[in-house]
Amino acid sequence: MKTFKNCAAQGDVYFIRINELPKDYVEVKPENGDLIVTHSETGHHHVMDPSYAKMYRNPKDEFNAVLVIDRPTPINHKRSFDTHEPILFDTGIYQVRRQREYTPEGFRKVQD
């Protein structure tokens, strides 16, 4: 399992440690027992255990989210093949970003 200090990436998702939860963010509820950090186009989501992690989203920007980790916990990629290695998050607050890539048509969200 990978670990990190200030930033990490798993597939199309990028995480940066920050100091505080932004104001006016709303809590995202778990789905079917998982905290879905990012939905995958193929249904193979990036998930965490909601017992130790909470996610908050900017109500004006669905792609702007923050994780609050109460106890070290991994993020997992829910796919049985060609999966990303889990990343262990330490206690803290992390901004969640979707990675972008450049194409001849312009920038687009990376699809995992």
PDB file of N, CA and C in Angstrom:
ATOM      1  N   MET A   1       0.846  -1.177   0.000  1.00  0.00           N
ATOM      2  CA  MET A   1       0.000   0.000   0.000  1.00  0.00           C
ATOM      3  C   MET A   1       0.890   1.238   0.000  1.00  0.00           C
ATOM      4  N   LYS A   2       0.540   2.187  -0.849  1.00  0.00           N
ATOM      5  CA  LYS A   2       1.298   3.432  -0.926  1.00  0.00           C
ATOM      6  C   LYS A   2       0.943   4.354   0.239  1.00  0.00           C
ATOM      7  N   THR A   3       1.887   5.192   0.622  1.00  0.00           N
ATOM      8  CA  THR A   3       1.643   6.253   1.604  1.00  0.00           C
ATOM      9  C   THR A   3       2.155   7.559   0.999  1.00  0.00           C
ATOM     10  N   PHE A   4       1.804   8.683   1.608  1.00  0.00           N
ATOM     11  CA  PHE A   4       2.272   9.982   1.099  1.00  0.00           C
ATOM     12  C   PHE A   4       2.263  11.008   2.215  1.00  0.00           C
ATOM     13  N   LYS A   5       2.923  12.138   1.958  1.00  0.00           N
ATOM     14  CA  LYS A   5       2.991  13.199   2.954  1.00  0.00           C
ATOM     15  C   LYS A   5       2.054  14.363   2.609  1.00  0.00           C
ATOM     16  N   ASN A   6       2.191  14.958   1.419  1.00  0.00           N
ATOM     17  CA  ASN A   6       1.416  16.154   1.079  1.00  0.00           C
ATOM     18  C   ASN A   6       0.483  16.008  -0.117  1.00  0.00           C
ATOM     19  N   CYS A   7       0.821  15.150  -1.070  1.00  0.00           N
ATOM     20  CA  CYS A   7      -0.041  14.984  -2.229  1.00  0.00           C
ATOM     21  C   CYS A   7       0.119  13.576  -2.804  1.00  0.00           C
ATOM     22  N   ALA A   8      -0.944  13.118  -3.484  1.00  0.00           N
ATOM     23  CA  ALA A   8      -0.939  11.782  -4.080  1.00  0.00           C
ATOM     24  C   ALA A   8      -1.956  11.752  -5.206  1.00  0.00           C
ATOM     25  N   ALA A   9      -1.827  10.752  -6.064  1.00  0.00           N
ATOM     26  CA  ALA A   9      -2.787  10.564  -7.152  1.00  0.00           C
ATOM     27  C   ALA A   9      -3.156   9.090  -7.234  1.00  0.00           C
ATOM     28  N   GLN A  10      -4.392   8.846  -7.604  1.00  0.00           N
ATOM     29  CA  GLN A  10      -4.848   7.483  -7.874  1.00  0.00           C
ATOM     30  C   GLN A  10      -5.726   7.582  -9.118  1.00  0.00           C
ATOM     31  N   GLY A  11      -5.188   7.101 -10.247  1.00  0.00           N
ATOM     32  CA  GLY A  11      -5.921   7.197 -11.502  1.00  0.00           C
ATOM     33  C   GLY A  11      -6.174   8.645 -11.870  1.00  0.00           C
ATOM     34  N   ASP A  12      -7.441   9.002 -12.012  1.00  0.00           N
ATOM     35  CA  ASP A  12      -7.814  10.355 -12.430  1.00  0.00           C
ATOM     36  C   ASP A  12      -8.053  11.308 -11.262  1.00  0.00           C
ATOM     37  N   VAL A  13      -7.715  10.884 -10.041  1.00  0.00           N
ATOM     38  CA  VAL A  13      -7.966  11.692  -8.843  1.00  0.00           C
ATOM     39  C   VAL A  13      -6.645  12.134  -8.229  1.00  0.00           C
ATOM     40  N   TYR A  14      -6.603  13.395  -7.785  1.00  0.00           N
ATOM     41  CA  TYR A  14      -5.403  13.980  -7.188  1.00  0.00           C
ATOM     42  C   TYR A  14      -5.790  14.540  -5.824  1.00  0.00           C
ATOM     43  N   PHE A  15      -4.963  14.298  -4.811  1.00  0.00           N
ATOM     44  CA  PHE A  15      -5.237  14.721  -3.439  1.00  0.00           C
ATOM     45  C   PHE A  15      -4.123  15.625  -2.927  1.00  0.00           C
ATOM     46  N   ILE A  16      -4.505  16.710  -2.260  1.00  0.00           N
ATOM     47  CA  ILE A  16      -3.545  17.658  -1.685  1.00  0.00           C
ATOM     48  C   ILE A  16      -3.950  17.922  -0.242  1.00  0.00           C
ATOM     49  N   ARG A  17      -2.996  17.768   0.683  1.00  0.00           N
ATOM     50  CA  ARG A  17      -3.265  18.069   2.096  1.00  0.00           C
ATOM     51  C   ARG A  17      -3.469  19.579   2.250  1.00  0.00           C
ATOM     52  N   ILE A  18      -4.531  19.961   2.979  1.00  0.00           N
ATOM     53  CA  ILE A  18      -4.809  21.364   3.260  1.00  0.00           C
ATOM     54  C   ILE A  18      -4.984  21.535   4.767  1.00  0.00           C
ATOM     55  N   ASN A  19      -5.088  22.782   5.219  1.00  0.00           N
ATOM     56  CA  ASN A  19      -5.124  23.052   6.654  1.00  0.00           C
ATOM     57  C   ASN A  19      -6.511  23.058   7.279  1.00  0.00           C
ATOM     58  N   GLU A  20      -7.546  23.419   6.501  1.00  0.00           N
ATOM     59  CA  GLU A  20      -8.866  23.514   7.110  1.00  0.00           C
ATOM     60  C   GLU A  20      -9.968  23.256   6.086  1.00  0.00           C
ATOM     61  N   LEU A  21     -11.112  22.851   6.588  1.00  0.00           N
ATOM     62  CA  LEU A  21     -12.278  22.617   5.757  1.00  0.00           C
ATOM     63  C   LEU A  21     -12.849  23.959   5.317  1.00  0.00           C
ATOM     64  N   PRO A  22     -13.033  24.175   4.017  1.00  0.00           N
ATOM     65  CA  PRO A  22     -13.615  25.443   3.556  1.00  0.00           C
ATOM     66  C   PRO A  22     -15.036  25.625   4.094  1.00  0.00           C
ATOM     67  N   LYS A  23     -15.435  26.856   4.248  1.00  0.00           N
ATOM     68  CA  LYS A  23     -16.770  27.177   4.752  1.00  0.00           C
ATOM     69  C   LYS A  23     -17.820  26.849   3.685  1.00  0.00           C
ATOM     70  N   ASP A  24     -19.024  26.584   4.132  1.00  0.00           N
ATOM     71  CA  ASP A  24     -20.190  26.368   3.282  1.00  0.00           C
ATOM     72  C   ASP A  24     -20.175  25.061   2.492  1.00  0.00           C
ATOM     73  N   TYR A  25     -19.248  24.163   2.760  1.00  0.00           N
ATOM     74  CA  TYR A  25     -19.264  22.864   2.088  1.00  0.00           C
ATOM     75  C   TYR A  25     -20.290  21.974   2.780  1.00  0.00           C
ATOM     76  N   VAL A  26     -20.899  21.071   2.022  1.00  0.00           N
ATOM     77  CA  VAL A  26     -21.923  20.186   2.581  1.00  0.00           C
ATOM     78  C   VAL A  26     -21.423  18.744   2.558  1.00  0.00           C
ATOM     79  N   GLU A  27     -21.833  17.983   3.573  1.00  0.00           N
ATOM     80  CA  GLU A  27     -21.368  16.608   3.687  1.00  0.00           C
ATOM     81  C   GLU A  27     -21.989  15.716   2.616  1.00  0.00           C
ATOM     82  N   VAL A  28     -21.171  14.822   2.074  1.00  0.00           N
ATOM     83  CA  VAL A  28     -21.611  13.836   1.095  1.00  0.00           C
ATOM     84  C   VAL A  28     -21.905  12.540   1.849  1.00  0.00           C
ATOM     85  N   LYS A  29     -23.056  11.978   1.628  1.00  0.00           N
ATOM     86  CA  LYS A  29     -23.462  10.759   2.320  1.00  0.00           C
ATOM     87  C   LYS A  29     -22.906   9.524   1.611  1.00  0.00           C
ATOM     88  N   PRO A  30     -22.562   8.483   2.378  1.00  0.00           N
ATOM     89  CA  PRO A  30     -22.103   7.218   1.781  1.00  0.00           C
ATOM     90  C   PRO A  30     -23.204   6.586   0.924  1.00  0.00           C
ATOM     91  N   GLU A  31     -22.773   5.745  -0.015  1.00  0.00           N
ATOM     92  CA  GLU A  31     -23.708   4.995  -0.864  1.00  0.00           C
ATOM     93  C   GLU A  31     -23.387   3.507  -0.736  1.00  0.00           C
ATOM     94  N   ASN A  32     -24.362   2.721  -0.353  1.00  0.00           N
ATOM     95  CA  ASN A  32     -24.201   1.274  -0.218  1.00  0.00           C
ATOM     96  C   ASN A  32     -22.990   0.890   0.633  1.00  0.00           C
ATOM     97  N   GLY A  33     -22.762   1.638   1.718  1.00  0.00           N
ATOM     98  CA  GLY A  33     -21.686   1.317   2.647  1.00  0.00           C
ATOM     99  C   GLY A  33     -20.329   1.867   2.294  1.00  0.00           C
ATOM    100  N   ASP A  34     -20.204   2.571   1.169  1.00  0.00           N
ATOM    101  CA  ASP A  34     -18.920   3.155   0.753  1.00  0.00           C
ATOM    102  C   ASP A  34     -19.038   4.665   0.660  1.00  0.00           C
ATOM    103  N   LEU A  35     -17.959   5.356   1.016  1.00  0.00           N
ATOM    104  CA  LEU A  35     -17.860   6.777   0.736  1.00  0.00           C
ATOM    105  C   LEU A  35     -17.237   6.872  -0.652  1.00  0.00           C
ATOM    106  N   ILE A  36     -18.029   7.249  -1.635  1.00  0.00           N
ATOM    107  CA  ILE A  36     -17.523   7.332  -3.007  1.00  0.00           C
ATOM    108  C   ILE A  36     -16.841   8.678  -3.176  1.00  0.00           C
ATOM    109  N   VAL A  37     -15.518   8.627  -3.274  1.00  0.00           N
ATOM    110  CA  VAL A  37     -14.725   9.850  -3.417  1.00  0.00           C
ATOM    111  C   VAL A  37     -14.880  10.397  -4.830  1.00  0.00           C
ATOM    112  N   THR A  38     -14.777   9.527  -5.837  1.00  0.00           N
ATOM    113  CA  THR A  38     -15.079   9.917  -7.214  1.00  0.00           C
ATOM    114  C   THR A  38     -15.778   8.764  -7.904  1.00  0.00           C
ATOM    115  N   HIS A  39     -16.773   9.110  -8.677  1.00  0.00           N
ATOM    116  CA  HIS A  39     -17.488   8.130  -9.494  1.00  0.00           C
ATOM    117  C   HIS A  39     -16.674   7.885 -10.756  1.00  0.00           C
ATOM    118  N   SER A  40     -16.618   6.641 -11.159  1.00  0.00           N
ATOM    119  CA  SER A  40     -15.935   6.273 -12.387  1.00  0.00           C
ATOM    120  C   SER A  40     -16.958   6.119 -13.497  1.00  0.00           C
ATOM    121  N   GLU A  41     -16.558   6.474 -14.701  1.00  0.00           N
ATOM    122  CA  GLU A  41     -17.444   6.322 -15.854  1.00  0.00           C
ATOM    123  C   GLU A  41     -17.811   4.857 -16.067  1.00  0.00           C
ATOM    124  N   THR A  42     -16.947   3.941 -15.626  1.00  0.00           N
ATOM    125  CA  THR A  42     -17.171   2.508 -15.821  1.00  0.00           C
ATOM    126  C   THR A  42     -17.785   1.836 -14.591  1.00  0.00           C
ATOM    127  N   GLY A  43     -18.086   2.617 -13.540  1.00  0.00           N
ATOM    128  CA  GLY A  43     -18.670   2.055 -12.332  1.00  0.00           C
ATOM    129  C   GLY A  43     -17.654   1.540 -11.333  1.00  0.00           C
ATOM    130  N   HIS A  44     -16.378   1.724 -11.616  1.00  0.00           N
ATOM    131  CA  HIS A  44     -15.311   1.285 -10.712  1.00  0.00           C
ATOM    132  C   HIS A  44     -14.830   2.494  -9.910  1.00  0.00           C
ATOM    133  N   HIS A  45     -15.571   2.807  -8.877  1.00  0.00           N
ATOM    134  CA  HIS A  45     -15.361   4.028  -8.121  1.00  0.00           C
ATOM    135  C   HIS A  45     -14.126   3.972  -7.222  1.00  0.00           C
ATOM    136  N   HIS A  46     -13.668   5.158  -6.817  1.00  0.00           N
ATOM    137  CA  HIS A  46     -12.608   5.301  -5.821  1.00  0.00           C
ATOM    138  C   HIS A  46     -13.342   5.519  -4.498  1.00  0.00           C
ATOM    139  N   VAL A  47     -13.140   4.615  -3.528  1.00  0.00           N
ATOM    140  CA  VAL A  47     -13.955   4.622  -2.310  1.00  0.00           C
ATOM    141  C   VAL A  47     -13.102   4.576  -1.039  1.00  0.00           C
ATOM    142  N   MET A  48     -13.734   5.032   0.060  1.00  0.00           N
ATOM    143  CA  MET A  48     -13.127   4.963   1.389  1.00  0.00           C
ATOM    144  C   MET A  48     -14.174   4.458   2.376  1.00  0.00           C
ATOM    145  N   ASP A  49     -13.704   4.026   3.538  1.00  0.00           N
ATOM    146  CA  ASP A  49     -14.575   3.562   4.610  1.00  0.00           C
ATOM    147  C   ASP A  49     -15.192   4.781   5.303  1.00  0.00           C
ATOM    148  N   PRO A  50     -16.526   4.916   5.282  1.00  0.00           N
ATOM    149  CA  PRO A  50     -17.157   6.091   5.893  1.00  0.00           C
ATOM    150  C   PRO A  50     -17.071   6.123   7.419  1.00  0.00           C
ATOM    151  N   SER A  51     -16.572   5.055   8.037  1.00  0.00           N
ATOM    152  CA  SER A  51     -16.380   5.063   9.487  1.00  0.00           C
ATOM    153  C   SER A  51     -15.231   5.986   9.884  1.00  0.00           C
ATOM    154  N   TYR A  52     -14.285   6.190   8.969  1.00  0.00           N
ATOM    155  CA  TYR A  52     -13.075   6.959   9.290  1.00  0.00           C
ATOM    156  C   TYR A  52     -12.864   8.163   8.391  1.00  0.00           C
ATOM    157  N   ALA A  53     -13.668   8.286   7.352  1.00  0.00           N
ATOM    158  CA  ALA A  53     -13.505   9.391   6.405  1.00  0.00           C
ATOM    159  C   ALA A  53     -14.858  10.038   6.131  1.00  0.00           C
ATOM    160  N   LYS A  54     -14.847  11.353   6.003  1.00  0.00           N
ATOM    161  CA  LYS A  54     -16.038  12.095   5.607  1.00  0.00           C
ATOM    162  C   LYS A  54     -15.635  12.979   4.423  1.00  0.00           C
ATOM    163  N   MET A  55     -16.593  13.195   3.534  1.00  0.00           N
ATOM    164  CA  MET A  55     -16.316  14.054   2.388  1.00  0.00           C
ATOM    165  C   MET A  55     -17.328  15.193   2.367  1.00  0.00           C
ATOM    166  N   TYR A  56     -16.834  16.358   1.987  1.00  0.00           N
ATOM    167  CA  TYR A  56     -17.657  17.554   1.889  1.00  0.00           C
ATOM    168  C   TYR A  56     -17.467  18.132   0.491  1.00  0.00           C
ATOM    169  N   ARG A  57     -18.555  18.659  -0.083  1.00  0.00           N
ATOM    170  CA  ARG A  57     -18.505  19.177  -1.445  1.00  0.00           C
ATOM    171  C   ARG A  57     -18.988  20.627  -1.466  1.00  0.00           C
ATOM    172  N   ASN A  58     -18.380  21.393  -2.350  1.00  0.00           N
ATOM    173  CA  ASN A  58     -18.814  22.756  -2.594  1.00  0.00           C
ATOM    174  C   ASN A  58     -20.151  22.679  -3.336  1.00  0.00           C
ATOM    175  N   PRO A  59     -21.229  23.218  -2.778  1.00  0.00           N
ATOM    176  CA  PRO A  59     -22.535  23.090  -3.435  1.00  0.00           C
ATOM    177  C   PRO A  59     -22.613  23.805  -4.784  1.00  0.00           C
ATOM    178  N   LYS A  60     -21.671  24.698  -5.052  1.00  0.00           N
ATOM    179  CA  LYS A  60     -21.676  25.429  -6.325  1.00  0.00           C
ATOM    180  C   LYS A  60     -20.762  24.794  -7.373  1.00  0.00           C
ATOM    181  N   ASP A  61     -19.989  23.762  -6.972  1.00  0.00           N
ATOM    182  CA  ASP A  61     -19.044  23.131  -7.891  1.00  0.00           C
ATOM    183  C   ASP A  61     -18.899  21.662  -7.509  1.00  0.00           C
ATOM    184  N   GLU A  62     -19.568  20.774  -8.234  1.00  0.00           N
ATOM    185  CA  GLU A  62     -19.601  19.357  -7.870  1.00  0.00           C
ATOM    186  C   GLU A  62     -18.232  18.684  -7.902  1.00  0.00           C
ATOM    187  N   PHE A  63     -17.260  19.272  -8.593  1.00  0.00           N
ATOM    188  CA  PHE A  63     -15.929  18.670  -8.671  1.00  0.00           C
ATOM    189  C   PHE A  63     -14.978  19.212  -7.608  1.00  0.00           C
ATOM    190  N   ASN A  64     -15.456  20.065  -6.727  1.00  0.00           N
ATOM    191  CA  ASN A  64     -14.630  20.657  -5.686  1.00  0.00           C
ATOM    192  C   ASN A  64     -15.023  20.024  -4.350  1.00  0.00           C
ATOM    193  N   ALA A  65     -14.185  19.090  -3.872  1.00  0.00           N
ATOM    194  CA  ALA A  65     -14.507  18.351  -2.657  1.00  0.00           C
ATOM    195  C   ALA A  65     -13.314  18.299  -1.714  1.00  0.00           C
ATOM    196  N   VAL A  66     -13.614  17.957  -0.460  1.00  0.00           N
ATOM    197  CA  VAL A  66     -12.595  17.858   0.583  1.00  0.00           C
ATOM    198  C   VAL A  66     -12.875  16.603   1.400  1.00  0.00           C
ATOM    199  N   LEU A  67     -11.822  15.858   1.718  1.00  0.00           N
ATOM    200  CA  LEU A  67     -11.907  14.700   2.605  1.00  0.00           C
ATOM    201  C   LEU A  67     -11.405  15.082   3.984  1.00  0.00           C
ATOM    202  N   VAL A  68     -12.088  14.623   5.021  1.00  0.00           N
ATOM    203  CA  VAL A  68     -11.630  14.772   6.400  1.00  0.00           C
ATOM    204  C   VAL A  68     -11.434  13.354   6.931  1.00  0.00           C
ATOM    205  N   ILE A  69     -10.188  13.023   7.258  1.00  0.00           N
ATOM    206  CA  ILE A  69      -9.829  11.682   7.696  1.00  0.00           C
ATOM    207  C   ILE A  69      -9.601  11.688   9.197  1.00  0.00           C
ATOM    208  N   ASP A  70     -10.400  10.893   9.924  1.00  0.00           N
ATOM    209  CA  ASP A  70     -10.311  10.838  11.387  1.00  0.00           C
ATOM    210  C   ASP A  70      -9.308   9.804  11.888  1.00  0.00           C
ATOM    211  N   ARG A  71      -9.045   8.800  11.077  1.00  0.00           N
ATOM    212  CA  ARG A  71      -8.140   7.722  11.447  1.00  0.00           C
ATOM    213  C   ARG A  71      -7.510   7.196  10.152  1.00  0.00           C
ATOM    214  N   PRO A  72      -6.240   6.841  10.155  1.00  0.00           N
ATOM    215  CA  PRO A  72      -5.631   6.367   8.912  1.00  0.00           C
ATOM    216  C   PRO A  72      -6.501   5.322   8.205  1.00  0.00           C
ATOM    217  N   THR A  73      -6.754   5.583   6.944  1.00  0.00           N
ATOM    218  CA  THR A  73      -7.620   4.703   6.149  1.00  0.00           C
ATOM    219  C   THR A  73      -7.217   4.763   4.677  1.00  0.00           C
ATOM    220  N   PRO A  74      -7.379   3.669   3.955  1.00  0.00           N
ATOM    221  CA  PRO A  74      -6.993   3.668   2.547  1.00  0.00           C
ATOM    222  C   PRO A  74      -8.125   4.107   1.619  1.00  0.00           C
ATOM    223  N   ILE A  75      -7.723   4.565   0.452  1.00  0.00           N
ATOM    224  CA  ILE A  75      -8.667   4.740  -0.645  1.00  0.00           C
ATOM    225  C   ILE A  75      -8.450   3.558  -1.572  1.00  0.00           C
ATOM    226  N   ASN A  76      -9.538   2.961  -2.004  1.00  0.00           N
ATOM    227  CA  ASN A  76      -9.469   1.779  -2.859  1.00  0.00           C
ATOM    228  C   ASN A  76     -10.179   2.029  -4.173  1.00  0.00           C
ATOM    229  N   HIS A  77      -9.714   1.354  -5.186  1.00  0.00           N
ATOM    230  CA  HIS A  77     -10.313   1.415  -6.512  1.00  0.00           C
ATOM    231  C   HIS A  77     -11.143   0.151  -6.674  1.00  0.00           C
ATOM    232  N   LYS A  78     -12.455   0.273  -6.798  1.00  0.00           N
ATOM    233  CA  LYS A  78     -13.350  -0.885  -6.823  1.00  0.00           C
ATOM    234  C   LYS A  78     -13.391  -1.523  -8.212  1.00  0.00           C
ATOM    235  N   ARG A  79     -12.335  -2.239  -8.488  1.00  0.00           N
ATOM    236  CA  ARG A  79     -12.274  -3.001  -9.735  1.00  0.00           C
ATOM    237  C   ARG A  79     -11.447  -4.244  -9.454  1.00  0.00           C
ATOM    238  N   SER A  80     -11.859  -5.378  -9.977  1.00  0.00           N
ATOM    239  CA  SER A  80     -11.166  -6.629  -9.679  1.00  0.00           C
ATOM    240  C   SER A  80      -9.975  -6.881 -10.595  1.00  0.00           C
ATOM    241  N   PHE A  81      -9.794  -6.075 -11.614  1.00  0.00           N
ATOM    242  CA  PHE A  81      -8.681  -6.240 -12.556  1.00  0.00           C
ATOM    243  C   PHE A  81      -8.085  -4.881 -12.851  1.00  0.00           C
ATOM    244  N   ASP A  82      -6.812  -4.858 -13.226  1.00  0.00           N
ATOM    245  CA  ASP A  82      -6.142  -3.612 -13.625  1.00  0.00           C
ATOM    246  C   ASP A  82      -6.488  -2.462 -12.680  1.00  0.00           C
ATOM    247  N   THR A  83      -6.409  -2.739 -11.387  1.00  0.00           N
ATOM    248  CA  THR A  83      -6.812  -1.759 -10.388  1.00  0.00           C
ATOM    249  C   THR A  83      -5.617  -0.913  -9.939  1.00  0.00           C
ATOM    250  N   HIS A  84      -5.920   0.238  -9.353  1.00  0.00           N
ATOM    251  CA  HIS A  84      -4.876   1.097  -8.788  1.00  0.00           C
ATOM    252  C   HIS A  84      -4.543   0.594  -7.388  1.00  0.00           C
ATOM    253  N   GLU A  85      -3.281   0.679  -7.023  1.00  0.00           N
ATOM    254  CA  GLU A  85      -2.865   0.276  -5.680  1.00  0.00           C
ATOM    255  C   GLU A  85      -3.528   1.192  -4.644  1.00  0.00           C
ATOM    256  N   PRO A  86      -4.003   0.632  -3.512  1.00  0.00           N
ATOM    257  CA  PRO A  86      -4.575   1.473  -2.459  1.00  0.00           C
ATOM    258  C   PRO A  86      -3.554   2.482  -1.936  1.00  0.00           C
ATOM    259  N   ILE A  87      -4.059   3.620  -1.504  1.00  0.00           N
ATOM    260  CA  ILE A  87      -3.215   4.665  -0.908  1.00  0.00           C
ATOM    261  C   ILE A  87      -3.712   4.889   0.511  1.00  0.00           C
ATOM    262  N   LEU A  88      -2.812   4.846   1.482  1.00  0.00           N
ATOM    263  CA  LEU A  88      -3.179   5.062   2.879  1.00  0.00           C
ATOM    264  C   LEU A  88      -3.128   6.557   3.195  1.00  0.00           C
ATOM    265  N   PHE A  89      -4.253   7.075   3.675  1.00  0.00           N
ATOM    266  CA  PHE A  89      -4.348   8.475   4.094  1.00  0.00           C
ATOM    267  C   PHE A  89      -4.152   8.556   5.584  1.00  0.00           C
ATOM    268  N   ASP A  90      -3.307   9.468   6.030  1.00  0.00           N
ATOM    269  CA  ASP A  90      -3.127   9.733   7.448  1.00  0.00           C
ATOM    270  C   ASP A  90      -4.235  10.693   7.895  1.00  0.00           C
ATOM    271  N   THR A  91      -4.405  10.844   9.190  1.00  0.00           N
ATOM    272  CA  THR A  91      -5.375  11.792   9.722  1.00  0.00           C
ATOM    273  C   THR A  91      -5.096  13.177   9.152  1.00  0.00           C
ATOM    274  N   GLY A  92      -6.143  13.867   8.712  1.00  0.00           N
ATOM    275  CA  GLY A  92      -5.970  15.208   8.163  1.00  0.00           C
ATOM    276  C   GLY A  92      -7.095  15.598   7.228  1.00  0.00           C
ATOM    277  N   ILE A  93      -6.876  16.706   6.524  1.00  0.00           N
ATOM    278  CA  ILE A  93      -7.861  17.259   5.585  1.00  0.00           C
ATOM    279  C   ILE A  93      -7.204  17.333   4.218  1.00  0.00           C
ATOM    280  N   TYR A  94      -7.925  16.884   3.188  1.00  0.00           N
ATOM    281  CA  TYR A  94      -7.357  16.779   1.843  1.00  0.00           C
ATOM    282  C   TYR A  94      -8.331  17.312   0.802  1.00  0.00           C
ATOM    283  N   GLN A  95      -7.832  18.153  -0.077  1.00  0.00           N
ATOM    284  CA  GLN A  95      -8.621  18.598  -1.215  1.00  0.00           C
ATOM    285  C   GLN A  95      -8.611  17.494  -2.264  1.00  0.00           C
ATOM    286  N   VAL A  96      -9.750  17.260  -2.887  1.00  0.00           N
ATOM    287  CA  VAL A  96      -9.895  16.235  -3.924  1.00  0.00           C
ATOM    288  C   VAL A  96     -10.038  16.948  -5.261  1.00  0.00           C
ATOM    289  N   ARG A  97      -9.173  16.607  -6.203  1.00  0.00           N
ATOM    290  CA  ARG A  97      -9.233  17.205  -7.534  1.00  0.00           C
ATOM    291  C   ARG A  97      -9.294  16.124  -8.586  1.00  0.00           C
ATOM    292  N   ARG A  98     -10.033  16.379  -9.631  1.00  0.00           N
ATOM    293  CA  ARG A  98     -10.016  15.496 -10.796  1.00  0.00           C
ATOM    294  C   ARG A  98      -8.901  15.996 -11.699  1.00  0.00           C
ATOM    295  N   GLN A  99      -8.054  15.077 -12.135  1.00  0.00           N
ATOM    296  CA  GLN A  99      -6.951  15.464 -13.002  1.00  0.00           C
ATOM    297  C   GLN A  99      -7.488  15.816 -14.390  1.00  0.00           C
ATOM    298  N   ARG A 100      -6.753  16.690 -15.065  1.00  0.00           N
ATOM    299  CA  ARG A 100      -7.113  17.101 -16.417  1.00  0.00           C
ATOM    300  C   ARG A 100      -5.963  16.768 -17.354  1.00  0.00           C
ATOM    301  N   GLU A 101      -6.302  16.623 -18.614  1.00  0.00           N
ATOM    302  CA  GLU A 101      -5.282  16.363 -19.618  1.00  0.00           C
ATOM    303  C   GLU A 101      -5.556  17.239 -20.832  1.00  0.00           C
ATOM    304  N   TYR A 102      -4.499  17.502 -21.567  1.00  0.00           N
ATOM    305  CA  TYR A 102      -4.644  18.334 -22.755  1.00  0.00           C
ATOM    306  C   TYR A 102      -4.865  17.458 -23.972  1.00  0.00           C
ATOM    307  N   THR A 103      -5.828  17.850 -24.797  1.00  0.00           N
ATOM    308  CA  THR A 103      -6.072  17.213 -26.085  1.00  0.00           C
ATOM    309  C   THR A 103      -6.077  18.318 -27.131  1.00  0.00           C
ATOM    310  N   PRO A 104      -6.015  17.986 -28.403  1.00  0.00           N
ATOM    311  CA  PRO A 104      -6.077  19.047 -29.429  1.00  0.00           C
ATOM    312  C   PRO A 104      -7.332  19.910 -29.323  1.00  0.00           C
ATOM    313  N   GLU A 105      -8.411  19.367 -28.750  1.00  0.00           N
ATOM    314  CA  GLU A 105      -9.647  20.141 -28.576  1.00  0.00           C
ATOM    315  C   GLU A 105      -9.606  21.020 -27.337  1.00  0.00           C
ATOM    316  N   GLY A 106      -8.599  20.860 -26.477  1.00  0.00           N
ATOM    317  CA  GLY A 106      -8.491  21.618 -25.251  1.00  0.00           C
ATOM    318  C   GLY A 106      -8.375  20.693 -24.048  1.00  0.00           C
ATOM    319  N   PHE A 107      -8.412  21.262 -22.853  1.00  0.00           N
ATOM    320  CA  PHE A 107      -8.314  20.467 -21.636  1.00  0.00           C
ATOM    321  C   PHE A 107      -9.612  19.701 -21.401  1.00  0.00           C
ATOM    322  N   ARG A 108      -9.468  18.502 -20.849  1.00  0.00           N
ATOM    323  CA  ARG A 108     -10.617  17.695 -20.462  1.00  0.00           C
ATOM    324  C   ARG A 108     -10.280  16.932 -19.186  1.00  0.00           C
ATOM    325  N   LYS A 109     -11.324  16.463 -18.512  1.00  0.00           N
ATOM    326  CA  LYS A 109     -11.159  15.655 -17.301  1.00  0.00           C
ATOM    327  C   LYS A 109     -10.580  14.315 -17.705  1.00  0.00           C
ATOM    328  N   VAL A 110      -9.574  13.843 -16.976  1.00  0.00           N
ATOM    329  CA  VAL A 110      -9.005  12.524 -17.235  1.00  0.00           C
ATOM    330  C   VAL A 110     -10.076  11.493 -16.948  1.00  0.00           C
ATOM    331  N   GLN A 111     -10.202  10.501 -17.816  1.00  0.00           N
ATOM    332  CA  GLN A 111     -11.160   9.421 -17.615  1.00  0.00           C
ATOM    333  C   GLN A 111     -10.417   8.158 -17.245  1.00  0.00           C
ATOM    334  N   ASP A 112     -10.829   7.557 -16.134  1.00  0.00           N
ATOM    335  CA  ASP A 112     -10.144   6.375 -15.600  1.00  0.00           C
ATOM    336  C   ASP A 112     -10.972   5.143 -15.830  1.00  0.00           C
TER     337      ASP A 112
END
